[in-house]
Each structure stands twice: as structure tokens, then as C-alpha cells.
């Protein structure tokens, strides 16, 4: 399978889920090139952006598992090549 580069945005509104998110990101660490996390305390949320390089199956598995967690929103964009 061809690999693609992509961006995944995660908005965590239920801060109790942070450890679950971090555990998933650790499991998929092999496809994560970069990560930036910003706690926005004034709004009570955390925002994480990921740069990933993996197959569509790998990236889809990560976003799918993140999307099943309560209290967060996930969006992704992948390169066409």
C-alpha cells in the first residue's frame, strides 16, 4: 500500500480523556512524524495536531479509534499522493 502524509486535528473537550488519547497516540507512534498539543485552559479544552505518514488503513485506524472516544472531535486531511 502507498503511504500518505496527513494532518489530524483533535479537540479534547472532556479532559478526563487525555490519558486515553495519549495511549492511542503511543500505540500509533510509528506513523506520527510530529505532534503539537496546546492546553487552552481559559476554554477548558486541549487541542492536538498531528502530522502523520502512513497507509490509509493505518491513519484510518487511528482516527477511527480516536473518533470512538467520548468528549473529543477528530478531523483529518490526507495528501492525494
C-alpha atoms as a PDB file:
ATOM      1  CA  UNK A   1       0.000   0.000   0.000  1.00  0.00           C
ATOM      2  CA  UNK A   2       1.073   3.539  -0.712  1.00  0.00           C
ATOM      3  CA  UNK A   3       1.841   5.798   2.183  1.00  0.00           C
ATOM      4  CA  UNK A   4       0.306   9.231   2.514  1.00  0.00           C
ATOM      5  CA  UNK A   5       1.155  12.298   4.520  1.00  0.00           C
ATOM      6  CA  UNK A   6      -1.658  13.810   6.505  1.00  0.00           C
ATOM      7  CA  UNK A   7      -2.798  16.081   9.289  1.00  0.00           C
ATOM      8  CA  UNK A   8      -5.053  15.010  12.142  1.00  0.00           C
ATOM      9  CA  UNK A   9      -6.702  17.584  14.391  1.00  0.00           C
ATOM     10  CA  UNK A  10      -8.008  16.521  17.793  1.00  0.00           C
ATOM     11  CA  UNK A  11     -10.137  18.740  20.028  1.00  0.00           C
ATOM     12  CA  UNK A  12     -10.492  17.325  23.547  1.00  0.00           C
ATOM     13  CA  UNK A  13     -13.453  18.795  25.410  1.00  0.00           C
ATOM     14  CA  UNK A  14     -13.558  16.151  28.169  1.00  0.00           C
ATOM     15  CA  UNK A  15     -10.126  16.435  29.763  1.00  0.00           C
ATOM     16  CA  UNK A  16     -10.666  13.101  31.546  1.00  0.00           C
ATOM     17  CA  UNK A  17      -9.998  11.502  28.127  1.00  0.00           C
ATOM     18  CA  UNK A  18      -6.463  12.878  27.787  1.00  0.00           C
ATOM     19  CA  UNK A  19      -4.801   9.684  29.066  1.00  0.00           C
ATOM     20  CA  UNK A  20      -6.837   7.541  26.643  1.00  0.00           C
ATOM     21  CA  UNK A  21      -5.848   9.794  23.755  1.00  0.00           C
ATOM     22  CA  UNK A  22      -2.189   9.671  24.766  1.00  0.00           C
ATOM     23  CA  UNK A  23      -2.298   5.871  24.978  1.00  0.00           C
ATOM     24  CA  UNK A  24      -3.687   5.622  21.437  1.00  0.00           C
ATOM     25  CA  UNK A  25      -1.098   8.075  20.130  1.00  0.00           C
ATOM     26  CA  UNK A  26       1.634   5.987  21.756  1.00  0.00           C
ATOM     27  CA  UNK A  27       0.294   2.854  20.037  1.00  0.00           C
ATOM     28  CA  UNK A  28       0.453   4.606  16.647  1.00  0.00           C
ATOM     29  CA  UNK A  29       3.750   6.386  17.319  1.00  0.00           C
ATOM     30  CA  UNK A  30       5.369   4.720  14.314  1.00  0.00           C
ATOM     31  CA  UNK A  31       3.256   6.812  11.889  1.00  0.00           C
ATOM     32  CA  UNK A  32       3.372  10.096  13.829  1.00  0.00           C
ATOM     33  CA  UNK A  33       6.019  12.464  12.467  1.00  0.00           C
ATOM     34  CA  UNK A  34       5.160  15.448  14.637  1.00  0.00           C
ATOM     35  CA  UNK A  35       2.779  16.459  17.374  1.00  0.00           C
ATOM     36  CA  UNK A  36       1.779  19.750  18.916  1.00  0.00           C
ATOM     37  CA  UNK A  37      -0.513  19.933  21.903  1.00  0.00           C
ATOM     38  CA  UNK A  38      -1.942  23.144  23.299  1.00  0.00           C
ATOM     39  CA  UNK A  39      -3.968  23.221  26.517  1.00  0.00           C
ATOM     40  CA  UNK A  40      -6.426  26.101  26.223  1.00  0.00           C
ATOM     41  CA  UNK A  41      -7.195  26.494  29.902  1.00  0.00           C
ATOM     42  CA  UNK A  42      -9.445  29.547  29.518  1.00  0.00           C
ATOM     43  CA  UNK A  43     -11.856  27.423  27.436  1.00  0.00           C
ATOM     44  CA  UNK A  44     -11.283  24.142  29.279  1.00  0.00           C
ATOM     45  CA  UNK A  45     -10.153  22.232  26.181  1.00  0.00           C
ATOM     46  CA  UNK A  46      -6.966  20.814  24.705  1.00  0.00           C
ATOM     47  CA  UNK A  47      -6.050  20.876  21.036  1.00  0.00           C
ATOM     48  CA  UNK A  48      -3.636  18.396  19.474  1.00  0.00           C
ATOM     49  CA  UNK A  49      -2.408  18.495  15.893  1.00  0.00           C
ATOM     50  CA  UNK A  50      -0.560  15.555  14.379  1.00  0.00           C
ATOM     51  CA  UNK A  51       1.469  15.163  11.213  1.00  0.00           C
ATOM     52  CA  UNK A  52       1.300  11.532  10.105  1.00  0.00           C
ATOM     53  CA  UNK A  53       2.919   9.395   7.410  1.00  0.00           C
ATOM     54  CA  UNK A  54       1.280   6.013   6.911  1.00  0.00           C
ATOM     55  CA  UNK A  55      -1.057   3.944   4.814  1.00  0.00           C
ATOM     56  CA  UNK A  56      -4.684   4.979   4.586  1.00  0.00           C
ATOM     57  CA  UNK A  57      -5.521   1.892   6.656  1.00  0.00           C
ATOM     58  CA  UNK A  58      -3.135   2.899   9.462  1.00  0.00           C
ATOM     59  CA  UNK A  59      -4.288   6.513   9.515  1.00  0.00           C
ATOM     60  CA  UNK A  60      -7.934   5.449   9.284  1.00  0.00           C
ATOM     61  CA  UNK A  61      -7.497   3.021  12.170  1.00  0.00           C
ATOM     62  CA  UNK A  62      -6.035   5.762  14.371  1.00  0.00           C
ATOM     63  CA  UNK A  63      -8.708   8.331  13.519  1.00  0.00           C
ATOM     64  CA  UNK A  64     -11.436   5.701  13.870  1.00  0.00           C
ATOM     65  CA  UNK A  65     -10.315   4.710  17.354  1.00  0.00           C
ATOM     66  CA  UNK A  66      -9.966   8.350  18.387  1.00  0.00           C
ATOM     67  CA  UNK A  67     -13.422   9.096  16.989  1.00  0.00           C
ATOM     68  CA  UNK A  68     -14.981   6.438  19.198  1.00  0.00           C
ATOM     69  CA  UNK A  69     -13.790   8.178  22.366  1.00  0.00           C
ATOM     70  CA  UNK A  70     -16.387  10.355  24.073  1.00  0.00           C
ATOM     71  CA  UNK A  71     -15.721  14.039  24.585  1.00  0.00           C
ATOM     72  CA  UNK A  72     -13.497  14.743  21.592  1.00  0.00           C
ATOM     73  CA  UNK A  73     -13.693  15.655  17.929  1.00  0.00           C
ATOM     74  CA  UNK A  74     -11.308  14.384  15.254  1.00  0.00           C
ATOM     75  CA  UNK A  75     -10.759  15.543  11.674  1.00  0.00           C
ATOM     76  CA  UNK A  76      -8.129  14.522   9.170  1.00  0.00           C
ATOM     77  CA  UNK A  77      -6.812  15.570   5.762  1.00  0.00           C
ATOM     78  CA  UNK A  78      -4.565  13.367   3.621  1.00  0.00           C
ATOM     79  CA  UNK A  79      -2.357  14.037   0.628  1.00  0.00           C
ATOM     80  CA  UNK A  80      -3.645  12.732  -2.676  1.00  0.00           C
ATOM     81  CA  UNK A  81      -0.340  11.035  -3.495  1.00  0.00           C
END
